[in-house]
Amino acid sequence: MTEVEKIDKGAITEIKAYSKPPPAVEKVLSCVMLLFQKQTDWPNAKRVLGESTFLLHLKNFEKDDVKESILAKVKKYVNMPMFAAEEVSKVSKAAGALCMWCHAISLYAEVSKEVAPKRA
């Protein structure tokens, strides 16, 4: 999650500046909105990005509380060929970091699901 720590308000402003974002950026923000349980359309994503608490919510995200139904949808995003952080970073460094964050949440959920029965 260290890449998320590097995201600042300037990077968020860069993403918000798109009136019509590149497809990879739009997919990443849709996935982030999905994890935040918000509407996944671009106008809503721009509004959420503009909230003063966005970065704080991102950094303090409760990864243990994500519903299975949401994780199933997130998995569809992270398995898309265009949803590779290296590729997204070519278009937007900030969106690339958010892409890595989505992958990390998805991976954490997978590992957590496997480990949970063994803890009991």
N, C-alpha and C. Protein backbone atom coordinates (compact mmCIF):
# COMPACT_ATOMS: atom_id res chain seq x y z
N MET A 1 0.82 -1.20 0.00
CA MET A 1 0.00 0.00 0.00
C MET A 1 0.86 1.27 0.00
N THR A 2 2.15 1.15 -0.07
CA THR A 2 3.03 2.31 -0.01
C THR A 2 2.82 3.26 -1.18
N GLU A 3 2.42 2.76 -2.34
CA GLU A 3 2.18 3.64 -3.48
C GLU A 3 1.06 4.63 -3.17
N VAL A 4 0.06 4.17 -2.43
CA VAL A 4 -1.05 5.04 -2.06
C VAL A 4 -0.55 6.19 -1.19
N GLU A 5 0.43 5.91 -0.35
CA GLU A 5 0.99 6.96 0.51
C GLU A 5 1.60 8.10 -0.31
N LYS A 6 2.04 7.79 -1.52
CA LYS A 6 2.68 8.79 -2.38
C LYS A 6 1.68 9.67 -3.11
N ILE A 7 0.42 9.27 -3.13
CA ILE A 7 -0.59 10.07 -3.83
C ILE A 7 -0.87 11.33 -3.03
N ASP A 8 -0.82 12.46 -3.71
CA ASP A 8 -1.13 13.72 -3.03
C ASP A 8 -2.30 14.40 -3.74
N LYS A 9 -2.70 15.55 -3.20
CA LYS A 9 -3.85 16.26 -3.76
C LYS A 9 -3.59 16.68 -5.21
N GLY A 10 -2.34 16.99 -5.53
CA GLY A 10 -2.00 17.37 -6.90
C GLY A 10 -2.27 16.24 -7.88
N ALA A 11 -1.94 15.03 -7.47
CA ALA A 11 -2.18 13.87 -8.32
C ALA A 11 -3.68 13.62 -8.50
N ILE A 12 -4.42 13.82 -7.44
CA ILE A 12 -5.87 13.66 -7.51
C ILE A 12 -6.46 14.73 -8.43
N THR A 13 -5.95 15.95 -8.34
CA THR A 13 -6.41 17.03 -9.22
C THR A 13 -6.15 16.67 -10.67
N GLU A 14 -5.00 16.03 -10.93
CA GLU A 14 -4.67 15.58 -12.30
C GLU A 14 -5.75 14.64 -12.83
N ILE A 15 -6.19 13.71 -12.01
CA ILE A 15 -7.22 12.76 -12.44
C ILE A 15 -8.55 13.48 -12.63
N LYS A 16 -8.90 14.35 -11.70
CA LYS A 16 -10.18 15.07 -11.78
C LYS A 16 -10.26 15.98 -13.00
N ALA A 17 -9.11 16.38 -13.54
CA ALA A 17 -9.09 17.31 -14.67
C ALA A 17 -9.65 16.69 -15.95
N TYR A 18 -9.68 15.38 -16.01
CA TYR A 18 -10.22 14.72 -17.21
C TYR A 18 -11.72 14.95 -17.31
N SER A 19 -12.17 15.47 -18.46
CA SER A 19 -13.62 15.53 -18.67
C SER A 19 -14.09 14.16 -19.13
N LYS A 20 -13.28 13.53 -19.97
CA LYS A 20 -13.51 12.14 -20.38
C LYS A 20 -12.18 11.43 -20.20
N PRO A 21 -12.05 10.66 -19.12
CA PRO A 21 -10.76 10.02 -18.83
C PRO A 21 -10.42 8.90 -19.82
N PRO A 22 -9.14 8.58 -19.95
CA PRO A 22 -8.77 7.40 -20.73
C PRO A 22 -9.45 6.16 -20.13
N PRO A 23 -9.77 5.17 -20.96
CA PRO A 23 -10.48 3.98 -20.45
C PRO A 23 -9.83 3.34 -19.23
N ALA A 24 -8.52 3.24 -19.20
CA ALA A 24 -7.85 2.60 -18.07
C ALA A 24 -8.08 3.38 -16.77
N VAL A 25 -8.01 4.70 -16.86
CA VAL A 25 -8.24 5.55 -15.68
C VAL A 25 -9.68 5.40 -15.21
N GLU A 26 -10.60 5.39 -16.15
CA GLU A 26 -12.02 5.26 -15.80
C GLU A 26 -12.29 3.91 -15.12
N LYS A 27 -11.68 2.84 -15.62
CA LYS A 27 -11.87 1.51 -15.00
C LYS A 27 -11.32 1.50 -13.57
N VAL A 28 -10.15 2.09 -13.39
CA VAL A 28 -9.54 2.12 -12.05
C VAL A 28 -10.45 2.87 -11.08
N LEU A 29 -10.93 4.03 -11.50
CA LEU A 29 -11.79 4.80 -10.60
C LEU A 29 -13.11 4.10 -10.35
N SER A 30 -13.63 3.38 -11.35
CA SER A 30 -14.85 2.59 -11.14
C SER A 30 -14.61 1.53 -10.06
N CYS A 31 -13.46 0.90 -10.11
CA CYS A 31 -13.12 -0.13 -9.12
C CYS A 31 -12.98 0.48 -7.72
N VAL A 32 -12.33 1.64 -7.65
CA VAL A 32 -12.19 2.32 -6.35
C VAL A 32 -13.57 2.67 -5.80
N MET A 33 -14.45 3.21 -6.66
CA MET A 33 -15.80 3.58 -6.21
C MET A 33 -16.56 2.33 -5.76
N LEU A 34 -16.37 1.24 -6.45
CA LEU A 34 -17.00 -0.02 -6.07
C LEU A 34 -16.58 -0.42 -4.66
N LEU A 35 -15.29 -0.34 -4.38
CA LEU A 35 -14.79 -0.68 -3.05
C LEU A 35 -15.31 0.28 -1.99
N PHE A 36 -15.50 1.54 -2.36
CA PHE A 36 -16.07 2.53 -1.43
C PHE A 36 -17.59 2.42 -1.34
N GLN A 37 -18.17 1.51 -2.12
CA GLN A 37 -19.62 1.32 -2.19
C GLN A 37 -20.33 2.60 -2.63
N LYS A 38 -19.78 3.19 -3.68
CA LYS A 38 -20.35 4.40 -4.28
C LYS A 38 -20.73 4.08 -5.72
N GLN A 39 -21.51 4.97 -6.34
CA GLN A 39 -21.83 4.80 -7.76
C GLN A 39 -20.53 4.85 -8.56
N THR A 40 -20.43 4.00 -9.56
CA THR A 40 -19.17 3.84 -10.28
C THR A 40 -19.02 4.71 -11.53
N ASP A 41 -19.97 5.59 -11.80
CA ASP A 41 -19.87 6.43 -13.00
C ASP A 41 -18.82 7.53 -12.80
N TRP A 42 -18.30 8.07 -13.91
CA TRP A 42 -17.23 9.06 -13.86
C TRP A 42 -17.62 10.34 -13.12
N PRO A 43 -18.81 10.94 -13.38
CA PRO A 43 -19.16 12.16 -12.64
C PRO A 43 -19.15 11.95 -11.12
N ASN A 44 -19.63 10.81 -10.67
CA ASN A 44 -19.62 10.53 -9.23
C ASN A 44 -18.19 10.33 -8.73
N ALA A 45 -17.38 9.63 -9.52
CA ALA A 45 -15.98 9.41 -9.13
C ALA A 45 -15.27 10.75 -8.97
N LYS A 46 -15.51 11.69 -9.90
CA LYS A 46 -14.89 13.02 -9.80
C LYS A 46 -15.33 13.73 -8.53
N ARG A 47 -16.62 13.58 -8.19
CA ARG A 47 -17.14 14.22 -6.98
C ARG A 47 -16.46 13.64 -5.74
N VAL A 48 -16.35 12.32 -5.69
CA VAL A 48 -15.71 11.65 -4.54
C VAL A 48 -14.23 12.03 -4.45
N LEU A 49 -13.55 12.09 -5.60
CA LEU A 49 -12.15 12.51 -5.61
C LEU A 49 -11.98 13.92 -5.04
N GLY A 50 -13.00 14.75 -5.23
CA GLY A 50 -12.94 16.13 -4.76
C GLY A 50 -13.20 16.30 -3.27
N GLU A 51 -13.65 15.24 -2.62
CA GLU A 51 -13.91 15.33 -1.18
C GLU A 51 -12.59 15.46 -0.43
N SER A 52 -12.55 16.33 0.55
CA SER A 52 -11.31 16.58 1.29
C SER A 52 -10.82 15.34 2.04
N THR A 53 -11.71 14.40 2.29
CA THR A 53 -11.35 13.20 3.06
C THR A 53 -10.99 12.00 2.18
N PHE A 54 -10.97 12.18 0.85
CA PHE A 54 -10.74 11.04 -0.05
C PHE A 54 -9.45 10.29 0.28
N LEU A 55 -8.33 11.00 0.35
CA LEU A 55 -7.05 10.34 0.61
C LEU A 55 -7.03 9.65 1.97
N LEU A 56 -7.65 10.28 2.95
CA LEU A 56 -7.73 9.69 4.28
C LEU A 56 -8.53 8.38 4.25
N HIS A 57 -9.67 8.41 3.54
CA HIS A 57 -10.49 7.19 3.41
C HIS A 57 -9.71 6.09 2.70
N LEU A 58 -8.95 6.47 1.71
CA LEU A 58 -8.14 5.51 0.95
C LEU A 58 -7.10 4.85 1.86
N LYS A 59 -6.41 5.67 2.62
CA LYS A 59 -5.33 5.18 3.49
C LYS A 59 -5.85 4.37 4.68
N ASN A 60 -7.07 4.70 5.13
CA ASN A 60 -7.64 4.02 6.30
C ASN A 60 -8.74 3.03 5.92
N PHE A 61 -8.74 2.60 4.69
CA PHE A 61 -9.79 1.71 4.18
C PHE A 61 -9.87 0.43 5.02
N GLU A 62 -11.09 0.06 5.39
CA GLU A 62 -11.32 -1.15 6.20
C GLU A 62 -11.37 -2.37 5.29
N LYS A 63 -10.20 -2.90 4.98
CA LYS A 63 -10.11 -4.01 4.02
C LYS A 63 -10.72 -5.31 4.53
N ASP A 64 -10.92 -5.42 5.83
CA ASP A 64 -11.53 -6.63 6.38
C ASP A 64 -13.05 -6.62 6.29
N ASP A 65 -13.61 -5.47 5.94
CA ASP A 65 -15.07 -5.34 5.94
C ASP A 65 -15.69 -5.34 4.54
N VAL A 66 -14.93 -5.72 3.52
CA VAL A 66 -15.46 -5.69 2.16
C VAL A 66 -16.32 -6.94 1.93
N LYS A 67 -17.54 -6.70 1.45
CA LYS A 67 -18.48 -7.80 1.22
C LYS A 67 -18.02 -8.70 0.07
N GLU A 68 -18.38 -9.96 0.16
CA GLU A 68 -18.04 -10.93 -0.89
C GLU A 68 -18.56 -10.49 -2.26
N SER A 69 -19.79 -9.96 -2.29
CA SER A 69 -20.38 -9.54 -3.57
C SER A 69 -19.55 -8.42 -4.22
N ILE A 70 -19.03 -7.52 -3.40
CA ILE A 70 -18.18 -6.43 -3.91
C ILE A 70 -16.86 -7.01 -4.39
N LEU A 71 -16.27 -7.90 -3.62
CA LEU A 71 -14.99 -8.51 -4.00
C LEU A 71 -15.09 -9.28 -5.31
N ALA A 72 -16.22 -9.91 -5.54
CA ALA A 72 -16.41 -10.65 -6.80
C ALA A 72 -16.37 -9.68 -7.98
N LYS A 73 -16.98 -8.51 -7.82
CA LYS A 73 -16.96 -7.49 -8.88
C LYS A 73 -15.56 -6.91 -9.04
N VAL A 74 -14.88 -6.68 -7.93
CA VAL A 74 -13.51 -6.14 -7.97
C VAL A 74 -12.60 -7.10 -8.72
N LYS A 75 -12.79 -8.38 -8.47
CA LYS A 75 -11.96 -9.40 -9.13
C LYS A 75 -12.09 -9.31 -10.65
N LYS A 76 -13.31 -9.00 -11.14
CA LYS A 76 -13.51 -8.86 -12.59
C LYS A 76 -12.65 -7.71 -13.13
N TYR A 77 -12.57 -6.64 -12.37
CA TYR A 77 -11.74 -5.50 -12.79
C TYR A 77 -10.26 -5.88 -12.79
N VAL A 78 -9.78 -6.42 -11.68
CA VAL A 78 -8.34 -6.67 -11.56
C VAL A 78 -7.85 -7.75 -12.52
N ASN A 79 -8.76 -8.55 -13.05
CA ASN A 79 -8.38 -9.57 -14.03
C ASN A 79 -8.40 -9.06 -15.47
N MET A 80 -8.84 -7.83 -15.68
CA MET A 80 -8.83 -7.25 -17.03
C MET A 80 -7.39 -6.98 -17.46
N PRO A 81 -7.07 -7.27 -18.73
CA PRO A 81 -5.71 -6.98 -19.22
C PRO A 81 -5.31 -5.50 -19.07
N MET A 82 -6.26 -4.59 -19.27
CA MET A 82 -5.95 -3.15 -19.16
C MET A 82 -5.76 -2.69 -17.72
N PHE A 83 -6.05 -3.58 -16.77
CA PHE A 83 -6.00 -3.21 -15.35
C PHE A 83 -4.66 -3.59 -14.72
N ALA A 84 -3.59 -3.35 -15.45
CA ALA A 84 -2.24 -3.59 -14.93
C ALA A 84 -1.66 -2.25 -14.53
N ALA A 85 -1.15 -2.17 -13.32
CA ALA A 85 -0.65 -0.90 -12.78
C ALA A 85 0.40 -0.27 -13.69
N GLU A 86 1.27 -1.09 -14.28
CA GLU A 86 2.32 -0.55 -15.16
C GLU A 86 1.70 0.16 -16.35
N GLU A 87 0.65 -0.44 -16.92
CA GLU A 87 -0.01 0.15 -18.09
C GLU A 87 -0.77 1.41 -17.70
N VAL A 88 -1.50 1.35 -16.60
CA VAL A 88 -2.28 2.50 -16.15
C VAL A 88 -1.34 3.66 -15.81
N SER A 89 -0.20 3.36 -15.21
CA SER A 89 0.78 4.40 -14.83
C SER A 89 1.32 5.16 -16.03
N LYS A 90 1.31 4.54 -17.19
CA LYS A 90 1.77 5.23 -18.41
C LYS A 90 0.83 6.39 -18.76
N VAL A 91 -0.43 6.24 -18.37
CA VAL A 91 -1.43 7.27 -18.64
C VAL A 91 -1.51 8.25 -17.47
N SER A 92 -1.46 7.73 -16.24
CA SER A 92 -1.59 8.55 -15.03
C SER A 92 -0.91 7.83 -13.87
N LYS A 93 0.11 8.46 -13.30
CA LYS A 93 0.82 7.85 -12.16
C LYS A 93 -0.13 7.64 -10.98
N ALA A 94 -0.98 8.63 -10.72
CA ALA A 94 -1.91 8.52 -9.60
C ALA A 94 -2.90 7.38 -9.82
N ALA A 95 -3.43 7.27 -11.04
CA ALA A 95 -4.35 6.17 -11.34
C ALA A 95 -3.62 4.83 -11.26
N GLY A 96 -2.34 4.81 -11.63
CA GLY A 96 -1.54 3.59 -11.49
C GLY A 96 -1.43 3.17 -10.04
N ALA A 97 -1.22 4.13 -9.16
CA ALA A 97 -1.14 3.84 -7.72
C ALA A 97 -2.48 3.33 -7.20
N LEU A 98 -3.57 3.93 -7.67
CA LEU A 98 -4.90 3.47 -7.26
C LEU A 98 -5.16 2.06 -7.79
N CYS A 99 -4.67 1.79 -8.98
CA CYS A 99 -4.79 0.45 -9.56
C CYS A 99 -4.07 -0.57 -8.67
N MET A 100 -2.86 -0.23 -8.25
CA MET A 100 -2.10 -1.12 -7.35
C MET A 100 -2.87 -1.34 -6.05
N TRP A 101 -3.51 -0.28 -5.55
CA TRP A 101 -4.30 -0.37 -4.33
C TRP A 101 -5.45 -1.36 -4.51
N CYS A 102 -6.15 -1.27 -5.64
CA CYS A 102 -7.25 -2.20 -5.92
C CYS A 102 -6.75 -3.64 -5.97
N HIS A 103 -5.61 -3.85 -6.64
CA HIS A 103 -5.02 -5.19 -6.69
C HIS A 103 -4.67 -5.68 -5.28
N ALA A 104 -4.12 -4.79 -4.46
CA ALA A 104 -3.72 -5.16 -3.10
C ALA A 104 -4.94 -5.55 -2.25
N ILE A 105 -6.01 -4.80 -2.37
CA ILE A 105 -7.24 -5.11 -1.62
C ILE A 105 -7.78 -6.47 -2.06
N SER A 106 -7.80 -6.71 -3.37
CA SER A 106 -8.29 -7.97 -3.90
C SER A 106 -7.43 -9.14 -3.41
N LEU A 107 -6.13 -8.99 -3.48
CA LEU A 107 -5.21 -10.04 -3.03
C LEU A 107 -5.35 -10.29 -1.53
N TYR A 108 -5.45 -9.21 -0.76
CA TYR A 108 -5.63 -9.34 0.69
C TYR A 108 -6.89 -10.15 0.99
N ALA A 109 -7.98 -9.83 0.29
CA ALA A 109 -9.25 -10.53 0.53
C ALA A 109 -9.13 -12.01 0.21
N GLU A 110 -8.44 -12.33 -0.90
CA GLU A 110 -8.24 -13.73 -1.27
C GLU A 110 -7.46 -14.49 -0.21
N VAL A 111 -6.35 -13.91 0.22
CA VAL A 111 -5.50 -14.55 1.22
C VAL A 111 -6.24 -14.66 2.55
N SER A 112 -6.93 -13.61 2.91
CA SER A 112 -7.68 -13.59 4.17
C SER A 112 -8.75 -14.68 4.19
N LYS A 113 -9.41 -14.86 3.05
CA LYS A 113 -10.46 -15.89 2.95
C LYS A 113 -9.86 -17.29 3.12
N GLU A 114 -8.66 -17.50 2.59
CA GLU A 114 -7.99 -18.80 2.72
C GLU A 114 -7.51 -19.04 4.14
N VAL A 115 -7.00 -18.01 4.78
CA VAL A 115 -6.39 -18.13 6.10
C VAL A 115 -7.43 -18.18 7.22
N ALA A 116 -8.56 -17.53 7.04
CA ALA A 116 -9.57 -17.43 8.09
C ALA A 116 -9.97 -18.78 8.69
N PRO A 117 -10.28 -19.79 7.88
CA PRO A 117 -10.66 -21.08 8.47
C PRO A 117 -9.52 -21.72 9.28
N LYS A 118 -8.30 -21.45 8.89
CA LYS A 118 -7.15 -22.03 9.58
C LYS A 118 -6.90 -21.36 10.93
N ARG A 119 -7.37 -20.13 11.08
CA ARG A 119 -7.22 -19.41 12.35
C ARG A 119 -8.19 -19.93 13.40
N ALA A 120 -9.32 -20.42 12.94
CA ALA A 120 -10.39 -20.84 13.87
C ALA A 120 -10.07 -22.13 14.58
